[in-house]
Protein backbone atom coordinates (compact mmCIF):
# COMPACT_ATOMS: atom_id res chain seq x y z
CA UNK A 1 0.00 0.00 0.00
CA UNK A 2 1.68 3.18 -1.20
CA UNK A 3 0.08 6.63 -1.13
CA UNK A 4 1.91 9.76 -2.35
CA UNK A 5 2.42 12.67 0.05
CA UNK A 6 1.54 16.09 -1.41
CA UNK A 7 2.92 18.76 0.89
CA UNK A 8 5.06 21.80 0.16
CA UNK A 9 8.15 20.00 1.42
CA UNK A 10 7.49 16.81 -0.55
CA UNK A 11 6.85 18.77 -3.76
CA UNK A 12 10.11 20.67 -3.20
CA UNK A 13 11.93 17.33 -2.79
CA UNK A 14 10.23 16.01 -5.95
CA UNK A 15 12.10 18.65 -7.98
CA UNK A 16 15.32 17.06 -6.69
CA UNK A 17 14.21 13.55 -7.69
CA UNK A 18 13.13 12.43 -4.19
CA UNK A 19 9.51 11.31 -3.89
CA UNK A 20 7.63 10.83 -0.61
CA UNK A 21 5.03 8.12 0.06
CA UNK A 22 2.94 6.96 3.02
CA UNK A 23 3.54 3.23 3.43
CA UNK A 24 2.37 0.42 5.69
CA UNK A 25 4.05 0.15 9.08
CA UNK A 26 5.37 -3.34 8.35
CA UNK A 27 6.73 -2.61 4.84
CA UNK A 28 10.45 -3.19 4.28
CA UNK A 29 12.72 -1.24 1.96
CA UNK A 30 12.85 -4.17 -0.48
CA UNK A 31 9.06 -4.44 -0.64
CA UNK A 32 8.79 -0.66 -1.16
CA UNK A 33 11.35 -0.81 -3.98
CA UNK A 34 9.52 -3.67 -5.71
CA UNK A 35 6.15 -1.95 -5.41
CA UNK A 36 7.40 1.40 -6.77
CA UNK A 37 9.14 -0.39 -9.66
CA UNK A 38 5.97 -2.34 -10.47
CA UNK A 39 3.49 0.56 -10.19
CA UNK A 40 5.47 3.37 -11.83
CA UNK A 41 7.99 1.47 -14.00
CA UNK A 42 11.06 3.32 -12.69
CA UNK A 43 14.38 2.30 -11.12
CA UNK A 44 14.86 3.08 -7.41
CA UNK A 45 18.36 4.05 -6.22
CA UNK A 46 17.80 4.74 -2.53
CA UNK A 47 15.04 4.53 0.08
CA UNK A 48 14.91 6.31 3.43
CA UNK A 49 12.15 5.44 5.88
CA UNK A 50 10.76 7.56 8.70
CA UNK A 51 8.52 6.23 11.49
CA UNK A 52 6.32 8.66 13.40
CA UNK A 53 5.23 7.78 16.91
CA UNK A 54 1.62 7.36 17.89
CA UNK A 55 0.12 9.80 20.33
CA UNK A 56 -2.99 10.42 22.38
CA UNK A 57 -5.23 13.37 21.51
CA UNK A 58 -8.60 14.59 22.69
CA UNK A 59 -11.55 14.92 20.35
CA UNK A 60 -14.23 17.63 20.43
CA UNK A 61 -16.16 15.76 23.15
CA UNK A 62 -13.11 15.66 25.40
CA UNK A 63 -12.58 11.92 25.01
CA UNK A 64 -9.07 10.61 24.57
CA UNK A 65 -8.36 9.11 21.13
CA UNK A 66 -5.24 7.20 20.09
CA UNK A 67 -3.49 8.29 16.88
CA UNK A 68 -1.71 5.28 15.39
CA UNK A 69 1.96 5.46 14.39
CA UNK A 70 2.64 5.89 10.66
CA UNK A 71 5.58 5.37 8.33
CA UNK A 72 6.87 7.37 5.35
CA UNK A 73 9.40 6.50 2.66
CA UNK A 74 11.51 8.96 0.67
CA UNK A 75 12.42 7.28 -2.61
CA UNK A 76 15.31 8.50 -4.79
CA UNK A 77 15.11 7.51 -8.46
CA UNK A 78 17.79 6.91 -11.07
CA UNK A 79 19.04 10.07 -12.81
CA UNK A 80 16.69 11.30 -15.52
CA UNK A 81 13.58 9.46 -14.25
CA UNK A 82 10.49 11.26 -12.93
CA UNK A 83 7.07 10.46 -11.54
CA UNK A 84 4.34 12.40 -13.34
CA UNK A 85 1.96 12.48 -10.37
CA UNK A 86 4.31 14.87 -8.53
CA UNK A 87 4.58 17.31 -11.43
CA UNK A 88 2.73 20.59 -10.89
CA UNK A 89 0.34 21.65 -13.66
CA UNK A 90 1.58 24.55 -15.78
CA UNK A 91 -0.33 27.79 -15.43
PDB file of N, CA and C in Angstrom:
ATOM      1  N   UNK A   1       0.838  -1.172   0.000  1.00  0.00           N
ATOM      2  CA  UNK A   1       0.000   0.000   0.000  1.00  0.00           C
ATOM      3  C   UNK A   1       0.886   1.240   0.000  1.00  0.00           C
ATOM      4  N   UNK A   2       0.880   1.967  -1.078  1.00  0.00           N
ATOM      5  CA  UNK A   2       1.682   3.178  -1.205  1.00  0.00           C
ATOM      6  C   UNK A   2       0.753   4.324  -1.578  1.00  0.00           C
ATOM      7  N   UNK A   3       0.857   5.430  -0.828  1.00  0.00           N
ATOM      8  CA  UNK A   3       0.080   6.630  -1.128  1.00  0.00           C
ATOM      9  C   UNK A   3       1.048   7.804  -1.201  1.00  0.00           C
ATOM     10  N   UNK A   4       0.998   8.615  -2.253  1.00  0.00           N
ATOM     11  CA  UNK A   4       1.906   9.757  -2.350  1.00  0.00           C
ATOM     12  C   UNK A   4       1.561  10.836  -1.329  1.00  0.00           C
ATOM     13  N   UNK A   5       2.581  11.560  -0.887  1.00  0.00           N
ATOM     14  CA  UNK A   5       2.418  12.667   0.047  1.00  0.00           C
ATOM     15  C   UNK A   5       2.551  13.961  -0.747  1.00  0.00           C
ATOM     16  N   UNK A   6       1.519  14.815  -0.701  1.00  0.00           N
ATOM     17  CA  UNK A   6       1.539  16.086  -1.415  1.00  0.00           C
ATOM     18  C   UNK A   6       1.556  17.230  -0.414  1.00  0.00           C
ATOM     19  N   UNK A   7       2.739  17.598   0.033  1.00  0.00           N
ATOM     20  CA  UNK A   7       2.918  18.759   0.894  1.00  0.00           C
ATOM     21  C   UNK A   7       3.921  19.680   0.210  1.00  0.00           C
ATOM     22  N   UNK A   8       4.096  20.871   0.758  1.00  0.00           N
ATOM     23  CA  UNK A   8       5.056  21.799   0.158  1.00  0.00           C
ATOM     24  C   UNK A   8       6.464  21.209   0.176  1.00  0.00           C
ATOM     25  N   UNK A   9       6.811  20.587   1.293  1.00  0.00           N
ATOM     26  CA  UNK A   9       8.150  19.998   1.420  1.00  0.00           C
ATOM     27  C   UNK A   9       8.342  18.832   0.456  1.00  0.00           C
ATOM     28  N   UNK A  10       7.337  17.969   0.329  1.00  0.00           N
ATOM     29  CA  UNK A  10       7.489  16.812  -0.554  1.00  0.00           C
ATOM     30  C   UNK A  10       7.536  17.237  -2.020  1.00  0.00           C
ATOM     31  N   UNK A  11       6.795  18.278  -2.378  1.00  0.00           N
ATOM     32  CA  UNK A  11       6.855  18.769  -3.762  1.00  0.00           C
ATOM     33  C   UNK A  11       8.197  19.432  -4.054  1.00  0.00           C
ATOM     34  N   UNK A  12       8.779  20.078  -3.035  1.00  0.00           N
ATOM     35  CA  UNK A  12      10.109  20.666  -3.196  1.00  0.00           C
ATOM     36  C   UNK A  12      11.148  19.559  -3.391  1.00  0.00           C
ATOM     37  N   UNK A  13      11.016  18.462  -2.630  1.00  0.00           N
ATOM     38  CA  UNK A  13      11.928  17.329  -2.789  1.00  0.00           C
ATOM     39  C   UNK A  13      11.736  16.632  -4.138  1.00  0.00           C
ATOM     40  N   UNK A  14      10.500  16.660  -4.667  1.00  0.00           N
ATOM     41  CA  UNK A  14      10.230  16.010  -5.950  1.00  0.00           C
ATOM     42  C   UNK A  14      11.014  16.672  -7.076  1.00  0.00           C
ATOM     43  N   UNK A  15      11.285  17.969  -6.962  1.00  0.00           N
ATOM     44  CA  UNK A  15      12.098  18.649  -7.984  1.00  0.00           C
ATOM     45  C   UNK A  15      13.540  18.157  -7.955  1.00  0.00           C
ATOM     46  N   UNK A  16      13.957  17.596  -6.817  1.00  0.00           N
ATOM     47  CA  UNK A  16      15.315  17.059  -6.689  1.00  0.00           C
ATOM     48  C   UNK A  16      15.381  15.566  -6.996  1.00  0.00           C
ATOM     49  N   UNK A  17      14.238  14.968  -7.363  1.00  0.00           N
ATOM     50  CA  UNK A  17      14.208  13.548  -7.692  1.00  0.00           C
ATOM     51  C   UNK A  17      13.959  12.651  -6.499  1.00  0.00           C
ATOM     52  N   UNK A  18      13.440  13.217  -5.393  1.00  0.00           N
ATOM     53  CA  UNK A  18      13.132  12.429  -4.193  1.00  0.00           C
ATOM     54  C   UNK A  18      11.629  12.509  -3.961  1.00  0.00           C
ATOM     55  N   UNK A  19      10.970  11.366  -3.967  1.00  0.00           N
ATOM     56  CA  UNK A  19       9.511  11.314  -3.891  1.00  0.00           C
ATOM     57  C   UNK A  19       9.088  10.670  -2.579  1.00  0.00           C
ATOM     58  N   UNK A  20       8.063  11.249  -1.941  1.00  0.00           N
ATOM     59  CA  UNK A  20       7.630  10.826  -0.613  1.00  0.00           C
ATOM     60  C   UNK A  20       6.310  10.082  -0.687  1.00  0.00           C
ATOM     61  N   UNK A  21       6.234   8.955   0.041  1.00  0.00           N
ATOM     62  CA  UNK A  21       5.033   8.120   0.059  1.00  0.00           C
ATOM     63  C   UNK A  21       4.699   7.723   1.488  1.00  0.00           C
ATOM     64  N   UNK A  22       3.392   7.617   1.800  1.00  0.00           N
ATOM     65  CA  UNK A  22       2.943   6.964   3.021  1.00  0.00           C
ATOM     66  C   UNK A  22       2.951   5.476   2.718  1.00  0.00           C
ATOM     67  N   UNK A  23       3.458   4.680   3.638  1.00  0.00           N
ATOM     68  CA  UNK A  23       3.543   3.234   3.430  1.00  0.00           C
ATOM     69  C   UNK A  23       2.977   2.520   4.652  1.00  0.00           C
ATOM     70  N   UNK A  24       2.817   1.224   4.552  1.00  0.00           N
ATOM     71  CA  UNK A  24       2.369   0.418   5.687  1.00  0.00           C
ATOM     72  C   UNK A  24       3.463   0.320   6.737  1.00  0.00           C
ATOM     73  N   UNK A  25       3.074   0.176   7.987  1.00  0.00           N
ATOM     74  CA  UNK A  25       4.054   0.148   9.077  1.00  0.00           C
ATOM     75  C   UNK A  25       4.980  -1.047   9.002  1.00  0.00           C
ATOM     76  N   UNK A  26       4.555  -2.133   8.398  1.00  0.00           N
ATOM     77  CA  UNK A  26       5.367  -3.340   8.350  1.00  0.00           C
ATOM     78  C   UNK A  26       6.132  -3.494   7.025  1.00  0.00           C
ATOM     79  N   UNK A  27       6.042  -2.527   6.130  1.00  0.00           N
ATOM     80  CA  UNK A  27       6.735  -2.609   4.843  1.00  0.00           C
ATOM     81  C   UNK A  27       8.241  -2.474   5.023  1.00  0.00           C
ATOM     82  N   UNK A  28       8.995  -3.265   4.265  1.00  0.00           N
ATOM     83  CA  UNK A  28      10.452  -3.189   4.281  1.00  0.00           C
ATOM     84  C   UNK A  28      10.917  -2.389   3.068  1.00  0.00           C
ATOM     85  N   UNK A  29      12.188  -2.019   3.076  1.00  0.00           N
ATOM     86  CA  UNK A  29      12.725  -1.245   1.956  1.00  0.00           C
ATOM     87  C   UNK A  29      12.664  -2.041   0.657  1.00  0.00           C
ATOM     88  N   UNK A  30      12.907  -3.337   0.727  1.00  0.00           N
ATOM     89  CA  UNK A  30      12.851  -4.166  -0.479  1.00  0.00           C
ATOM     90  C   UNK A  30      11.433  -4.239  -1.031  1.00  0.00           C
ATOM     91  N   UNK A  31      10.443  -4.382  -0.160  1.00  0.00           N
ATOM     92  CA  UNK A  31       9.058  -4.444  -0.643  1.00  0.00           C
ATOM     93  C   UNK A  31       8.620  -3.095  -1.218  1.00  0.00           C
ATOM     94  N   UNK A  32       9.104  -1.994  -0.636  1.00  0.00           N
ATOM     95  CA  UNK A  32       8.787  -0.658  -1.161  1.00  0.00           C
ATOM     96  C   UNK A  32       9.405  -0.500  -2.549  1.00  0.00           C
ATOM     97  N   UNK A  33      10.656  -0.917  -2.685  1.00  0.00           N
ATOM     98  CA  UNK A  33      11.347  -0.812  -3.977  1.00  0.00           C
ATOM     99  C   UNK A  33      10.620  -1.607  -5.052  1.00  0.00           C
ATOM    100  N   UNK A  34      10.223  -2.835  -4.736  1.00  0.00           N
ATOM    101  CA  UNK A  34       9.521  -3.665  -5.711  1.00  0.00           C
ATOM    102  C   UNK A  34       8.174  -3.071  -6.094  1.00  0.00           C
ATOM    103  N   UNK A  35       7.464  -2.514  -5.125  1.00  0.00           N
ATOM    104  CA  UNK A  35       6.148  -1.948  -5.406  1.00  0.00           C
ATOM    105  C   UNK A  35       6.246  -0.683  -6.260  1.00  0.00           C
ATOM    106  N   UNK A  36       7.219   0.190  -5.963  1.00  0.00           N
ATOM    107  CA  UNK A  36       7.401   1.404  -6.766  1.00  0.00           C
ATOM    108  C   UNK A  36       7.827   1.031  -8.178  1.00  0.00           C
ATOM    109  N   UNK A  37       8.719   0.061  -8.323  1.00  0.00           N
ATOM    110  CA  UNK A  37       9.137  -0.391  -9.655  1.00  0.00           C
ATOM    111  C   UNK A  37       7.959  -0.941 -10.448  1.00  0.00           C
ATOM    112  N   UNK A  38       7.100  -1.718  -9.788  1.00  0.00           N
ATOM    113  CA  UNK A  38       5.971  -2.344 -10.466  1.00  0.00           C
ATOM    114  C   UNK A  38       4.896  -1.321 -10.850  1.00  0.00           C
ATOM    115  N   UNK A  39       4.574  -0.404  -9.937  1.00  0.00           N
ATOM    116  CA  UNK A  39       3.491   0.555 -10.191  1.00  0.00           C
ATOM    117  C   UNK A  39       3.898   1.619 -11.200  1.00  0.00           C
ATOM    118  N   UNK A  40       5.079   2.216 -11.020  1.00  0.00           N
ATOM    119  CA  UNK A  40       5.468   3.366 -11.832  1.00  0.00           C
ATOM    120  C   UNK A  40       6.450   3.030 -12.956  1.00  0.00           C
ATOM    121  N   UNK A  41       7.053   1.854 -12.948  1.00  0.00           N
ATOM    122  CA  UNK A  41       7.988   1.466 -14.002  1.00  0.00           C
ATOM    123  C   UNK A  41       9.272   2.276 -14.000  1.00  0.00           C
ATOM    124  N   UNK A  42       9.825   2.558 -12.822  1.00  0.00           N
ATOM    125  CA  UNK A  42      11.064   3.321 -12.694  1.00  0.00           C
ATOM    126  C   UNK A  42      12.077   2.496 -11.907  1.00  0.00           C
ATOM    127  N   UNK A  43      13.318   2.986 -11.841  1.00  0.00           N
ATOM    128  CA  UNK A  43      14.382   2.304 -11.116  1.00  0.00           C
ATOM    129  C   UNK A  43      14.704   3.092  -9.849  1.00  0.00           C
ATOM    130  N   UNK A  44      14.627   2.437  -8.705  1.00  0.00           N
ATOM    131  CA  UNK A  44      14.864   3.078  -7.412  1.00  0.00           C
ATOM    132  C   UNK A  44      16.337   2.939  -7.038  1.00  0.00           C
ATOM    133  N   UNK A  45      16.969   4.073  -6.670  1.00  0.00           N
ATOM    134  CA  UNK A  45      18.356   4.055  -6.220  1.00  0.00           C
ATOM    135  C   UNK A  45      18.472   3.922  -4.717  1.00  0.00           C
ATOM    136  N   UNK A  46      17.643   4.683  -3.980  1.00  0.00           N
ATOM    137  CA  UNK A  46      17.796   4.744  -2.530  1.00  0.00           C
ATOM    138  C   UNK A  46      16.431   4.931  -1.879  1.00  0.00           C
ATOM    139  N   UNK A  47      16.272   4.379  -0.684  1.00  0.00           N
ATOM    140  CA  UNK A  47      15.040   4.532   0.075  1.00  0.00           C
ATOM    141  C   UNK A  47      15.406   4.884   1.511  1.00  0.00           C
ATOM    142  N   UNK A  48      14.781   5.937   2.019  1.00  0.00           N
ATOM    143  CA  UNK A  48      14.911   6.307   3.428  1.00  0.00           C
ATOM    144  C   UNK A  48      13.535   6.205   4.049  1.00  0.00           C
ATOM    145  N   UNK A  49      13.441   5.583   5.214  1.00  0.00           N
ATOM    146  CA  UNK A  49      12.151   5.439   5.877  1.00  0.00           C
ATOM    147  C   UNK A  49      12.134   6.238   7.175  1.00  0.00           C
ATOM    148  N   UNK A  50      10.955   6.756   7.506  1.00  0.00           N
ATOM    149  CA  UNK A  50      10.756   7.561   8.704  1.00  0.00           C
ATOM    150  C   UNK A  50       9.523   7.021   9.414  1.00  0.00           C
ATOM    151  N   UNK A  51       9.644   6.702  10.698  1.00  0.00           N
ATOM    152  CA  UNK A  51       8.516   6.226  11.487  1.00  0.00           C
ATOM    153  C   UNK A  51       8.110   7.312  12.461  1.00  0.00           C
ATOM    154  N   UNK A  52       6.823   7.691  12.448  1.00  0.00           N
ATOM    155  CA  UNK A  52       6.318   8.661  13.405  1.00  0.00           C
ATOM    156  C   UNK A  52       5.661   7.906  14.550  1.00  0.00           C
ATOM    157  N   UNK A  53       5.777   8.428  15.730  1.00  0.00           N
ATOM    158  CA  UNK A  53       5.231   7.777  16.911  1.00  0.00           C
ATOM    159  C   UNK A  53       3.749   8.075  17.046  1.00  0.00           C
ATOM    160  N   UNK A  54       3.029   7.140  17.595  1.00  0.00           N
ATOM    161  CA  UNK A  54       1.623   7.360  17.887  1.00  0.00           C
ATOM    162  C   UNK A  54       1.492   8.298  19.076  1.00  0.00           C
ATOM    163  N   UNK A  55       0.327   8.878  19.224  1.00  0.00           N
ATOM    164  CA  UNK A  55       0.119   9.797  20.332  1.00  0.00           C
ATOM    165  C   UNK A  55      -1.340   9.766  20.756  1.00  0.00           C
ATOM    166  N   UNK A  56      -1.618  10.337  21.890  1.00  0.00           N
ATOM    167  CA  UNK A  56      -2.991  10.420  22.385  1.00  0.00           C
ATOM    168  C   UNK A  56      -3.477  11.856  22.253  1.00  0.00           C
ATOM    169  N   UNK A  57      -4.642  12.044  21.673  1.00  0.00           N
ATOM    170  CA  UNK A  57      -5.231  13.371  21.510  1.00  0.00           C
ATOM    171  C   UNK A  57      -6.644  13.342  22.061  1.00  0.00           C
ATOM    172  N   UNK A  58      -7.213  14.499  22.230  1.00  0.00           N
ATOM    173  CA  UNK A  58      -8.596  14.590  22.688  1.00  0.00           C
ATOM    174  C   UNK A  58      -9.462  15.091  21.543  1.00  0.00           C
ATOM    175  N   UNK A  59     -10.639  14.487  21.401  1.00  0.00           N
ATOM    176  CA  UNK A  59     -11.552  14.918  20.351  1.00  0.00           C
ATOM    177  C   UNK A  59     -12.439  16.051  20.864  1.00  0.00           C
ATOM    178  N   UNK A  60     -13.415  16.470  20.055  1.00  0.00           N
ATOM    179  CA  UNK A  60     -14.231  17.626  20.430  1.00  0.00           C
ATOM    180  C   UNK A  60     -15.151  17.340  21.619  1.00  0.00           C
ATOM    181  N   UNK A  61     -15.364  16.097  21.973  1.00  0.00           N
ATOM    182  CA  UNK A  61     -16.163  15.760  23.150  1.00  0.00           C
ATOM    183  C   UNK A  61     -15.297  15.600  24.400  1.00  0.00           C
ATOM    184  N   UNK A  62     -14.007  15.764  24.267  1.00  0.00           N
ATOM    185  CA  UNK A  62     -13.106  15.658  25.399  1.00  0.00           C
ATOM    186  C   UNK A  62     -12.613  14.249  25.669  1.00  0.00           C
ATOM    187  N   UNK A  63     -13.012  13.296  24.824  1.00  0.00           N
ATOM    188  CA  UNK A  63     -12.578  11.921  25.014  1.00  0.00           C
ATOM    189  C   UNK A  63     -11.194  11.729  24.413  1.00  0.00           C
ATOM    190  N   UNK A  64     -10.411  10.870  25.050  1.00  0.00           N
ATOM    191  CA  UNK A  64      -9.065  10.613  24.566  1.00  0.00           C
ATOM    192  C   UNK A  64      -9.107   9.612  23.411  1.00  0.00           C
ATOM    193  N   UNK A  65      -8.391   9.938  22.330  1.00  0.00           N
ATOM    194  CA  UNK A  65      -8.359   9.114  21.129  1.00  0.00           C
ATOM    195  C   UNK A  65      -6.901   8.818  20.798  1.00  0.00           C
ATOM    196  N   UNK A  66      -6.607   7.584  20.446  1.00  0.00           N
ATOM    197  CA  UNK A  66      -5.242   7.196  20.085  1.00  0.00           C
ATOM    198  C   UNK A  66      -5.018   7.438  18.593  1.00  0.00           C
ATOM    199  N   UNK A  67      -3.907   8.102  18.258  1.00  0.00           N
ATOM    200  CA  UNK A  67      -3.491   8.290  16.879  1.00  0.00           C
ATOM    201  C   UNK A  67      -2.400   7.261  16.620  1.00  0.00           C
ATOM    202  N   UNK A  68      -2.635   6.387  15.659  1.00  0.00           N
ATOM    203  CA  UNK A  68      -1.711   5.279  15.394  1.00  0.00           C
ATOM    204  C   UNK A  68      -0.408   5.782  14.777  1.00  0.00           C
ATOM    205  N   UNK A  69       0.702   5.091  15.033  1.00  0.00           N
ATOM    206  CA  UNK A  69       1.964   5.464  14.392  1.00  0.00           C
ATOM    207  C   UNK A  69       1.900   5.210  12.885  1.00  0.00           C
ATOM    208  N   UNK A  70       2.623   6.007  12.120  1.00  0.00           N
ATOM    209  CA  UNK A  70       2.641   5.886  10.663  1.00  0.00           C
ATOM    210  C   UNK A  70       4.092   5.791  10.185  1.00  0.00           C
ATOM    211  N   UNK A  71       4.244   5.523   8.902  1.00  0.00           N
ATOM    212  CA  UNK A  71       5.578   5.374   8.329  1.00  0.00           C
ATOM    213  C   UNK A  71       5.598   6.025   6.948  1.00  0.00           C
ATOM    214  N   UNK A  72       6.678   6.740   6.653  1.00  0.00           N
ATOM    215  CA  UNK A  72       6.874   7.371   5.349  1.00  0.00           C
ATOM    216  C   UNK A  72       8.141   6.829   4.712  1.00  0.00           C
ATOM    217  N   UNK A  73       8.185   6.880   3.386  1.00  0.00           N
ATOM    218  CA  UNK A  73       9.397   6.500   2.659  1.00  0.00           C
ATOM    219  C   UNK A  73       9.738   7.616   1.687  1.00  0.00           C
ATOM    220  N   UNK A  74      11.011   7.996   1.647  1.00  0.00           N
ATOM    221  CA  UNK A  74      11.507   8.956   0.667  1.00  0.00           C
ATOM    222  C   UNK A  74      12.328   8.152  -0.331  1.00  0.00           C
ATOM    223  N   UNK A  75      11.852   8.123  -1.574  1.00  0.00           N
ATOM    224  CA  UNK A  75      12.422   7.282  -2.615  1.00  0.00           C
ATOM    225  C   UNK A  75      13.207   8.148  -3.591  1.00  0.00           C
ATOM    226  N   UNK A  76      14.464   7.805  -3.823  1.00  0.00           N
ATOM    227  CA  UNK A  76      15.306   8.496  -4.791  1.00  0.00           C
ATOM    228  C   UNK A  76      15.385   7.632  -6.043  1.00  0.00           C
ATOM    229  N   UNK A  77      15.104   8.242  -7.194  1.00  0.00           N
ATOM    230  CA  UNK A  77      15.107   7.511  -8.458  1.00  0.00           C
ATOM    231  C   UNK A  77      16.428   7.680  -9.192  1.00  0.00           C
ATOM    232  N   UNK A  78      16.627   6.842 -10.195  1.00  0.00           N
ATOM    233  CA  UNK A  78      17.786   6.911 -11.065  1.00  0.00           C
ATOM    234  C   UNK A  78      17.775   8.264 -11.789  1.00  0.00           C
ATOM    235  N   UNK A  79      18.946   8.780 -12.133  1.00  0.00           N
ATOM    236  CA  UNK A  79      19.038  10.073 -12.814  1.00  0.00           C
ATOM    237  C   UNK A  79      18.229  10.083 -14.101  1.00  0.00           C
ATOM    238  N   UNK A  80      17.470  11.148 -14.300  1.00  0.00           N
ATOM    239  CA  UNK A  80      16.686  11.304 -15.519  1.00  0.00           C
ATOM    240  C   UNK A  80      15.282  10.732 -15.452  1.00  0.00           C
ATOM    241  N   UNK A  81      14.927  10.033 -14.373  1.00  0.00           N
ATOM    242  CA  UNK A  81      13.584   9.463 -14.249  1.00  0.00           C
ATOM    243  C   UNK A  81      12.728  10.342 -13.349  1.00  0.00           C
ATOM    244  N   UNK A  82      11.428  10.431 -13.679  1.00  0.00           N
ATOM    245  CA  UNK A  82      10.492  11.257 -12.926  1.00  0.00           C
ATOM    246  C   UNK A  82       9.201  10.494 -12.719  1.00  0.00           C
ATOM    247  N   UNK A  83       8.429  10.951 -11.740  1.00  0.00           N
ATOM    248  CA  UNK A  83       7.073  10.461 -11.538  1.00  0.00           C
ATOM    249  C   UNK A  83       6.128  11.601 -11.893  1.00  0.00           C
ATOM    250  N   UNK A  84       5.224  11.348 -12.830  1.00  0.00           N
ATOM    251  CA  UNK A  84       4.345  12.395 -13.336  1.00  0.00           C
ATOM    252  C   UNK A  84       3.327  12.882 -12.313  1.00  0.00           C
ATOM    253  N   UNK A  85       2.979  12.053 -11.331  1.00  0.00           N
ATOM    254  CA  UNK A  85       1.957  12.478 -10.372  1.00  0.00           C
ATOM    255  C   UNK A  85       2.449  13.610  -9.478  1.00  0.00           C
ATOM    256  N   UNK A  86       3.772  13.796  -9.363  1.00  0.00           N
ATOM    257  CA  UNK A  86       4.314  14.866  -8.534  1.00  0.00           C
ATOM    258  C   UNK A  86       4.594  16.141  -9.324  1.00  0.00           C
ATOM    259  N   UNK A  87       4.357  16.130 -10.619  1.00  0.00           N
ATOM    260  CA  UNK A  87       4.580  17.311 -11.433  1.00  0.00           C
ATOM    261  C   UNK A  87       3.430  18.296 -11.247  1.00  0.00           C
ATOM    262  N   UNK A  88       3.755  19.565 -11.052  1.00  0.00           N
ATOM    263  CA  UNK A  88       2.732  20.585 -10.886  1.00  0.00           C
ATOM    264  C   UNK A  88       2.206  20.989 -12.262  1.00  0.00           C
ATOM    265  N   UNK A  89       0.881  21.230 -12.372  1.00  0.00           N
ATOM    266  CA  UNK A  89       0.343  21.650 -13.664  1.00  0.00           C
ATOM    267  C   UNK A  89       0.855  23.044 -14.041  1.00  0.00           C
ATOM    268  N   UNK A  90       1.085  23.249 -15.316  1.00  0.00           N
ATOM    269  CA  UNK A  90       1.575  24.548 -15.779  1.00  0.00           C
ATOM    270  C   UNK A  90       0.430  25.539 -15.849  1.00  0.00           C
ATOM    271  N   UNK A  91       0.708  26.759 -15.454  1.00  0.00           N
ATOM    272  CA  UNK A  91      -0.326  27.794 -15.432  1.00  0.00           C
ATOM    273  C   UNK A  91      -0.346  28.587 -16.703  1.00  0.00           C
TER     274      UNK A  91
END
